[in-house]
Amino acid sequence: MGQIFGILGELIPLVAGVYCILYFGGYKTPKYNDESQKLKFEELKDKHGKKFYFGGIFLAFYGAYGIIQILL
């Protein structure tokens, strides 16, 4: 039972990393309710996009490493 909760706990950084890679890497565009949300996201992406992208890679590897450690 402890392994299940450990794996679920490690899925959080894995999913967050994939989210950052997809959205800030330019592979997927988010859905906007209005034009102001689009402008805010584009501003954030222009200013901090590379940091979020590389942070997402780190998070994805960290989550995958944690899952592997729990399973072994």
PDB file of N, CA and C in Angstrom:
ATOM      1  N   MET A   1       0.824  -1.200   0.000  1.00  0.00           N
ATOM      2  CA  MET A   1       0.000   0.000   0.000  1.00  0.00           C
ATOM      3  C   MET A   1       0.865   1.260   0.000  1.00  0.00           C
ATOM      4  N   GLY A   2       2.011   1.170   0.672  1.00  0.00           N
ATOM      5  CA  GLY A   2       2.912   2.317   0.707  1.00  0.00           C
ATOM      6  C   GLY A   2       3.502   2.627  -0.646  1.00  0.00           C
ATOM      7  N   GLN A   3       3.722   1.584  -1.462  1.00  0.00           N
ATOM      8  CA  GLN A   3       4.266   1.815  -2.800  1.00  0.00           C
ATOM      9  C   GLN A   3       3.283   2.575  -3.674  1.00  0.00           C
ATOM     10  N   ILE A   4       1.997   2.284  -3.522  1.00  0.00           N
ATOM     11  CA  ILE A   4       0.988   2.961  -4.350  1.00  0.00           C
ATOM     12  C   ILE A   4       0.983   4.452  -4.056  1.00  0.00           C
ATOM     13  N   PHE A   5       1.002   4.814  -2.755  1.00  0.00           N
ATOM     14  CA  PHE A   5       1.005   6.231  -2.408  1.00  0.00           C
ATOM     15  C   PHE A   5       2.323   6.899  -2.795  1.00  0.00           C
ATOM     16  N   GLY A   6       3.421   6.155  -2.719  1.00  0.00           N
ATOM     17  CA  GLY A   6       4.703   6.697  -3.148  1.00  0.00           C
ATOM     18  C   GLY A   6       4.724   6.994  -4.638  1.00  0.00           C
ATOM     19  N   ILE A   7       4.183   6.072  -5.420  1.00  0.00           N
ATOM     20  CA  ILE A   7       4.115   6.275  -6.869  1.00  0.00           C
ATOM     21  C   ILE A   7       3.199   7.449  -7.192  1.00  0.00           C
ATOM     22  N   LEU A   8       2.058   7.520  -6.519  1.00  0.00           N
ATOM     23  CA  LEU A   8       1.151   8.654  -6.758  1.00  0.00           C
ATOM     24  C   LEU A   8       1.813   9.980  -6.387  1.00  0.00           C
ATOM     25  N   GLY A   9       2.615   9.974  -5.327  1.00  0.00           N
ATOM     26  CA  GLY A   9       3.334  11.182  -4.933  1.00  0.00           C
ATOM     27  C   GLY A   9       4.379  11.598  -5.938  1.00  0.00           C
ATOM     28  N   GLU A  10       4.979  10.632  -6.605  1.00  0.00           N
ATOM     29  CA  GLU A  10       5.994  10.948  -7.609  1.00  0.00           C
ATOM     30  C   GLU A  10       5.381  11.291  -8.958  1.00  0.00           C
ATOM     31  N   LEU A  11       4.119  10.983  -9.158  1.00  0.00           N
ATOM     32  CA  LEU A  11       3.459  11.357 -10.412  1.00  0.00           C
ATOM     33  C   LEU A  11       3.218  12.861 -10.507  1.00  0.00           C
ATOM     34  N   ILE A  12       3.123  13.523  -9.358  1.00  0.00           N
ATOM     35  CA  ILE A  12       2.876  14.969  -9.360  1.00  0.00           C
ATOM     36  C   ILE A  12       4.010  15.725 -10.063  1.00  0.00           C
ATOM     37  N   PRO A  13       5.289  15.521  -9.680  1.00  0.00           N
ATOM     38  CA  PRO A  13       6.332  16.235 -10.435  1.00  0.00           C
ATOM     39  C   PRO A  13       6.453  15.762 -11.876  1.00  0.00           C
ATOM     40  N   LEU A  14       6.167  14.490 -12.134  1.00  0.00           N
ATOM     41  CA  LEU A  14       6.238  13.988 -13.501  1.00  0.00           C
ATOM     42  C   LEU A  14       5.206  14.679 -14.389  1.00  0.00           C
ATOM     43  N   VAL A  15       3.978  14.767 -13.937  1.00  0.00           N
ATOM     44  CA  VAL A  15       2.919  15.409 -14.721  1.00  0.00           C
ATOM     45  C   VAL A  15       3.168  16.912 -14.842  1.00  0.00           C
ATOM     46  N   ALA A  16       3.634  17.535 -13.767  1.00  0.00           N
ATOM     47  CA  ALA A  16       3.931  18.971 -13.825  1.00  0.00           C
ATOM     48  C   ALA A  16       5.056  19.254 -14.817  1.00  0.00           C
ATOM     49  N   GLY A  17       6.054  18.386 -14.850  1.00  0.00           N
ATOM     50  CA  GLY A  17       7.153  18.552 -15.796  1.00  0.00           C
ATOM     51  C   GLY A  17       6.692  18.411 -17.233  1.00  0.00           C
ATOM     52  N   VAL A  18       5.846  17.414 -17.489  1.00  0.00           N
ATOM     53  CA  VAL A  18       5.319  17.224 -18.847  1.00  0.00           C
ATOM     54  C   VAL A  18       4.471  18.429 -19.246  1.00  0.00           C
ATOM     55  N   TYR A  19       3.674  18.942 -18.321  1.00  0.00           N
ATOM     56  CA  TYR A  19       2.864  20.138 -18.583  1.00  0.00           C
ATOM     57  C   TYR A  19       3.755  21.318 -18.983  1.00  0.00           C
ATOM     58  N   CYS A  20       4.821  21.553 -18.224  1.00  0.00           N
ATOM     59  CA  CYS A  20       5.721  22.669 -18.541  1.00  0.00           C
ATOM     60  C   CYS A  20       6.403  22.475 -19.880  1.00  0.00           C
ATOM     61  N   ILE A  21       6.816  21.243 -20.167  1.00  0.00           N
ATOM     62  CA  ILE A  21       7.478  20.974 -21.445  1.00  0.00           C
ATOM     63  C   ILE A  21       6.522  21.229 -22.605  1.00  0.00           C
ATOM     64  N   LEU A  22       5.292  20.753 -22.476  1.00  0.00           N
ATOM     65  CA  LEU A  22       4.333  20.899 -23.568  1.00  0.00           C
ATOM     66  C   LEU A  22       3.948  22.353 -23.818  1.00  0.00           C
ATOM     67  N   TYR A  23       3.594  23.071 -22.764  1.00  0.00           N
ATOM     68  CA  TYR A  23       3.077  24.424 -22.943  1.00  0.00           C
ATOM     69  C   TYR A  23       4.168  25.469 -23.148  1.00  0.00           C
ATOM     70  N   PHE A  24       5.270  25.361 -22.414  1.00  0.00           N
ATOM     71  CA  PHE A  24       6.309  26.379 -22.551  1.00  0.00           C
ATOM     72  C   PHE A  24       7.336  26.017 -23.613  1.00  0.00           C
ATOM     73  N   GLY A  25       7.327  24.765 -24.068  1.00  0.00           N
ATOM     74  CA  GLY A  25       8.188  24.371 -25.166  1.00  0.00           C
ATOM     75  C   GLY A  25       7.575  24.660 -26.517  1.00  0.00           C
ATOM     76  N   GLY A  26       6.299  25.027 -26.535  1.00  0.00           N
ATOM     77  CA  GLY A  26       5.637  25.380 -27.779  1.00  0.00           C
ATOM     78  C   GLY A  26       5.004  24.208 -28.495  1.00  0.00           C
ATOM     79  N   TYR A  27       4.880  23.062 -27.839  1.00  0.00           N
ATOM     80  CA  TYR A  27       4.293  21.889 -28.476  1.00  0.00           C
ATOM     81  C   TYR A  27       2.767  21.896 -28.421  1.00  0.00           C
ATOM     82  N   LYS A  28       2.207  22.622 -27.466  1.00  0.00           N
ATOM     83  CA  LYS A  28       0.753  22.691 -27.302  1.00  0.00           C
ATOM     84  C   LYS A  28       0.400  24.109 -26.866  1.00  0.00           C
ATOM     85  N   THR A  29      -0.730  24.597 -27.345  1.00  0.00           N
ATOM     86  CA  THR A  29      -1.171  25.925 -26.926  1.00  0.00           C
ATOM     87  C   THR A  29      -2.364  25.789 -25.989  1.00  0.00           C
ATOM     88  N   PRO A  30      -2.373  26.560 -24.908  1.00  0.00           N
ATOM     89  CA  PRO A  30      -3.506  26.477 -23.987  1.00  0.00           C
ATOM     90  C   PRO A  30      -4.754  27.130 -24.571  1.00  0.00           C
ATOM     91  N   LYS A  31      -5.897  26.781 -23.998  1.00  0.00           N
ATOM     92  CA  LYS A  31      -7.156  27.398 -24.415  1.00  0.00           C
ATOM     93  C   LYS A  31      -7.380  28.646 -23.568  1.00  0.00           C
ATOM     94  N   TYR A  32      -7.771  29.719 -24.229  1.00  0.00           N
ATOM     95  CA  TYR A  32      -7.960  31.004 -23.565  1.00  0.00           C
ATOM     96  C   TYR A  32      -9.440  31.363 -23.553  1.00  0.00           C
ATOM     97  N   ASN A  33      -9.856  32.024 -22.475  1.00  0.00           N
ATOM     98  CA  ASN A  33     -11.237  32.517 -22.404  1.00  0.00           C
ATOM     99  C   ASN A  33     -11.373  33.863 -23.097  1.00  0.00           C
ATOM    100  N   ASP A  34     -10.327  34.674 -23.027  1.00  0.00           N
ATOM    101  CA  ASP A  34     -10.357  35.971 -23.684  1.00  0.00           C
ATOM    102  C   ASP A  34      -8.933  36.362 -24.089  1.00  0.00           C
ATOM    103  N   GLU A  35      -8.826  37.493 -24.727  1.00  0.00           N
ATOM    104  CA  GLU A  35      -7.549  37.943 -25.279  1.00  0.00           C
ATOM    105  C   GLU A  35      -6.543  38.310 -24.187  1.00  0.00           C
ATOM    106  N   SER A  36      -7.011  38.774 -23.029  1.00  0.00           N
ATOM    107  CA  SER A  36      -6.078  39.170 -21.970  1.00  0.00           C
ATOM    108  C   SER A  36      -5.319  37.965 -21.421  1.00  0.00           C
ATOM    109  N   GLN A  37      -5.960  36.795 -21.355  1.00  0.00           N
ATOM    110  CA  GLN A  37      -5.262  35.598 -20.903  1.00  0.00           C
ATOM    111  C   GLN A  37      -4.167  35.206 -21.888  1.00  0.00           C
ATOM    112  N   LYS A  38      -4.456  35.358 -23.156  1.00  0.00           N
ATOM    113  CA  LYS A  38      -3.460  35.035 -24.180  1.00  0.00           C
ATOM    114  C   LYS A  38      -2.260  35.963 -24.070  1.00  0.00           C
ATOM    115  N   LEU A  39      -2.525  37.246 -23.872  1.00  0.00           N
ATOM    116  CA  LEU A  39      -1.433  38.205 -23.747  1.00  0.00           C
ATOM    117  C   LEU A  39      -0.584  37.928 -22.511  1.00  0.00           C
ATOM    118  N   LYS A  40      -1.226  37.590 -21.397  1.00  0.00           N
ATOM    119  CA  LYS A  40      -0.479  37.292 -20.172  1.00  0.00           C
ATOM    120  C   LYS A  40       0.381  36.044 -20.336  1.00  0.00           C
ATOM    121  N   PHE A  41      -0.168  35.015 -20.974  1.00  0.00           N
ATOM    122  CA  PHE A  41       0.614  33.802 -21.181  1.00  0.00           C
ATOM    123  C   PHE A  41       1.789  34.058 -22.118  1.00  0.00           C
ATOM    124  N   GLU A  42       1.552  34.781 -23.189  1.00  0.00           N
ATOM    125  CA  GLU A  42       2.633  35.081 -24.127  1.00  0.00           C
ATOM    126  C   GLU A  42       3.725  35.913 -23.456  1.00  0.00           C
ATOM    127  N   GLU A  43       3.329  36.850 -22.603  1.00  0.00           N
ATOM    128  CA  GLU A  43       4.307  37.657 -21.878  1.00  0.00           C
ATOM    129  C   GLU A  43       5.122  36.783 -20.931  1.00  0.00           C
ATOM    130  N   LEU A  44       4.451  35.883 -20.213  1.00  0.00           N
ATOM    131  CA  LEU A  44       5.142  34.975 -19.308  1.00  0.00           C
ATOM    132  C   LEU A  44       6.069  34.039 -20.072  1.00  0.00           C
ATOM    133  N   LYS A  45       5.611  33.553 -21.210  1.00  0.00           N
ATOM    134  CA  LYS A  45       6.420  32.648 -22.024  1.00  0.00           C
ATOM    135  C   LYS A  45       7.644  33.359 -22.590  1.00  0.00           C
ATOM    136  N   ASP A  46       7.477  34.589 -23.028  1.00  0.00           N
ATOM    137  CA  ASP A  46       8.608  35.350 -23.562  1.00  0.00           C
ATOM    138  C   ASP A  46       9.641  35.656 -22.478  1.00  0.00           C
ATOM    139  N   LYS A  47       9.159  35.947 -21.280  1.00  0.00           N
ATOM    140  CA  LYS A  47      10.055  36.358 -20.206  1.00  0.00           C
ATOM    141  C   LYS A  47      10.713  35.164 -19.512  1.00  0.00           C
ATOM    142  N   HIS A  48       9.962  34.093 -19.251  1.00  0.00           N
ATOM    143  CA  HIS A  48      10.464  32.975 -18.453  1.00  0.00           C
ATOM    144  C   HIS A  48      10.295  31.619 -19.122  1.00  0.00           C
ATOM    145  N   GLY A  49      10.029  31.579 -20.399  1.00  0.00           N
ATOM    146  CA  GLY A  49       9.723  30.330 -21.084  1.00  0.00           C
ATOM    147  C   GLY A  49      10.832  29.297 -21.026  1.00  0.00           C
ATOM    148  N   LYS A  50      12.073  29.709 -21.233  1.00  0.00           N
ATOM    149  CA  LYS A  50      13.190  28.757 -21.208  1.00  0.00           C
ATOM    150  C   LYS A  50      13.395  28.189 -19.808  1.00  0.00           C
ATOM    151  N   LYS A  51      13.217  29.022 -18.793  1.00  0.00           N
ATOM    152  CA  LYS A  51      13.360  28.540 -17.418  1.00  0.00           C
ATOM    153  C   LYS A  51      12.301  27.488 -17.105  1.00  0.00           C
ATOM    154  N   PHE A  52      11.057  27.763 -17.497  1.00  0.00           N
ATOM    155  CA  PHE A  52       9.985  26.797 -17.270  1.00  0.00           C
ATOM    156  C   PHE A  52      10.224  25.512 -18.054  1.00  0.00           C
ATOM    157  N   TYR A  53      10.730  25.640 -19.272  1.00  0.00           N
ATOM    158  CA  TYR A  53      10.967  24.465 -20.107  1.00  0.00           C
ATOM    159  C   TYR A  53      12.037  23.564 -19.488  1.00  0.00           C
ATOM    160  N   PHE A  54      13.170  24.135 -19.115  1.00  0.00           N
ATOM    161  CA  PHE A  54      14.233  23.327 -18.527  1.00  0.00           C
ATOM    162  C   PHE A  54      13.870  22.859 -17.119  1.00  0.00           C
ATOM    163  N   GLY A  55      13.123  23.659 -16.392  1.00  0.00           N
ATOM    164  CA  GLY A  55      12.609  23.206 -15.103  1.00  0.00           C
ATOM    165  C   GLY A  55      11.652  22.036 -15.269  1.00  0.00           C
ATOM    166  N   GLY A  56      10.866  22.059 -16.339  1.00  0.00           N
ATOM    167  CA  GLY A  56       9.956  20.954 -16.629  1.00  0.00           C
ATOM    168  C   GLY A  56      10.705  19.678 -16.958  1.00  0.00           C
ATOM    169  N   ILE A  57      11.809  19.804 -17.682  1.00  0.00           N
ATOM    170  CA  ILE A  57      12.630  18.624 -17.969  1.00  0.00           C
ATOM    171  C   ILE A  57      13.179  18.052 -16.668  1.00  0.00           C
ATOM    172  N   PHE A  58      13.673  18.927 -15.795  1.00  0.00           N
ATOM    173  CA  PHE A  58      14.187  18.477 -14.506  1.00  0.00           C
ATOM    174  C   PHE A  58      13.093  17.789 -13.691  1.00  0.00           C
ATOM    175  N   LEU A  59      11.907  18.384 -13.633  1.00  0.00           N
ATOM    176  CA  LEU A  59      10.801  17.786 -12.873  1.00  0.00           C
ATOM    177  C   LEU A  59      10.390  16.431 -13.437  1.00  0.00           C
ATOM    178  N   ALA A  60      10.330  16.310 -14.742  1.00  0.00           N
ATOM    179  CA  ALA A  60       9.939  15.036 -15.353  1.00  0.00           C
ATOM    180  C   ALA A  60      10.964  13.955 -15.026  1.00  0.00           C
ATOM    181  N   PHE A  61      12.242  14.279 -15.136  1.00  0.00           N
ATOM    182  CA  PHE A  61      13.272  13.291 -14.794  1.00  0.00           C
ATOM    183  C   PHE A  61      13.247  12.961 -13.302  1.00  0.00           C
ATOM    184  N   TYR A  62      13.020  13.967 -12.466  1.00  0.00           N
ATOM    185  CA  TYR A  62      12.949  13.744 -11.018  1.00  0.00           C
ATOM    186  C   TYR A  62      11.785  12.811 -10.661  1.00  0.00           C
ATOM    187  N   GLY A  63      10.631  13.035 -11.265  1.00  0.00           N
ATOM    188  CA  GLY A  63       9.480  12.178 -11.013  1.00  0.00           C
ATOM    189  C   GLY A  63       9.695  10.759 -11.512  1.00  0.00           C
ATOM    190  N   ALA A  64      10.274  10.612 -12.699  1.00  0.00           N
ATOM    191  CA  ALA A  64      10.553   9.282 -13.241  1.00  0.00           C
ATOM    192  C   ALA A  64      11.590   8.561 -12.388  1.00  0.00           C
ATOM    193  N   TYR A  65      12.614   9.269 -11.933  1.00  0.00           N
ATOM    194  CA  TYR A  65      13.630   8.673 -11.077  1.00  0.00           C
ATOM    195  C   TYR A  65      13.006   8.209  -9.758  1.00  0.00           C
ATOM    196  N   GLY A  66      12.126   9.020  -9.186  1.00  0.00           N
ATOM    197  CA  GLY A  66      11.463   8.642  -7.935  1.00  0.00           C
ATOM    198  C   GLY A  66      10.599   7.396  -8.091  1.00  0.00           C
ATOM    199  N   ILE A  67       9.899   7.286  -9.203  1.00  0.00           N
ATOM    200  CA  ILE A  67       9.070   6.104  -9.456  1.00  0.00           C
ATOM    201  C   ILE A  67       9.948   4.867  -9.611  1.00  0.00           C
ATOM    202  N   ILE A  68      11.055   5.016 -10.318  1.00  0.00           N
ATOM    203  CA  ILE A  68      11.971   3.875 -10.499  1.00  0.00           C
ATOM    204  C   ILE A  68      12.553   3.446  -9.145  1.00  0.00           C
ATOM    205  N   GLN A  69      12.897   4.413  -8.296  1.00  0.00           N
ATOM    206  CA  GLN A  69      13.445   4.073  -6.985  1.00  0.00           C
ATOM    207  C   GLN A  69      12.431   3.334  -6.130  1.00  0.00           C
ATOM    208  N   ILE A  70      11.164   3.696  -6.227  1.00  0.00           N
ATOM    209  CA  ILE A  70      10.124   3.029  -5.435  1.00  0.00           C
ATOM    210  C   ILE A  70       9.915   1.604  -5.939  1.00  0.00           C
ATOM    211  N   LEU A  71       9.941   1.425  -7.246  1.00  0.00           N
ATOM    212  CA  LEU A  71       9.678   0.110  -7.807  1.00  0.00           C
ATOM    213  C   LEU A  71      10.830  -0.871  -7.618  1.00  0.00           C
ATOM    214  N   LEU A  72      12.052  -0.374  -7.507  1.00  0.00           N
ATOM    215  CA  LEU A  72      13.199  -1.284  -7.349  1.00  0.00           C
ATOM    216  C   LEU A  72      13.480  -1.587  -5.935  1.00  0.00           C
TER     217      LEU A  72
END
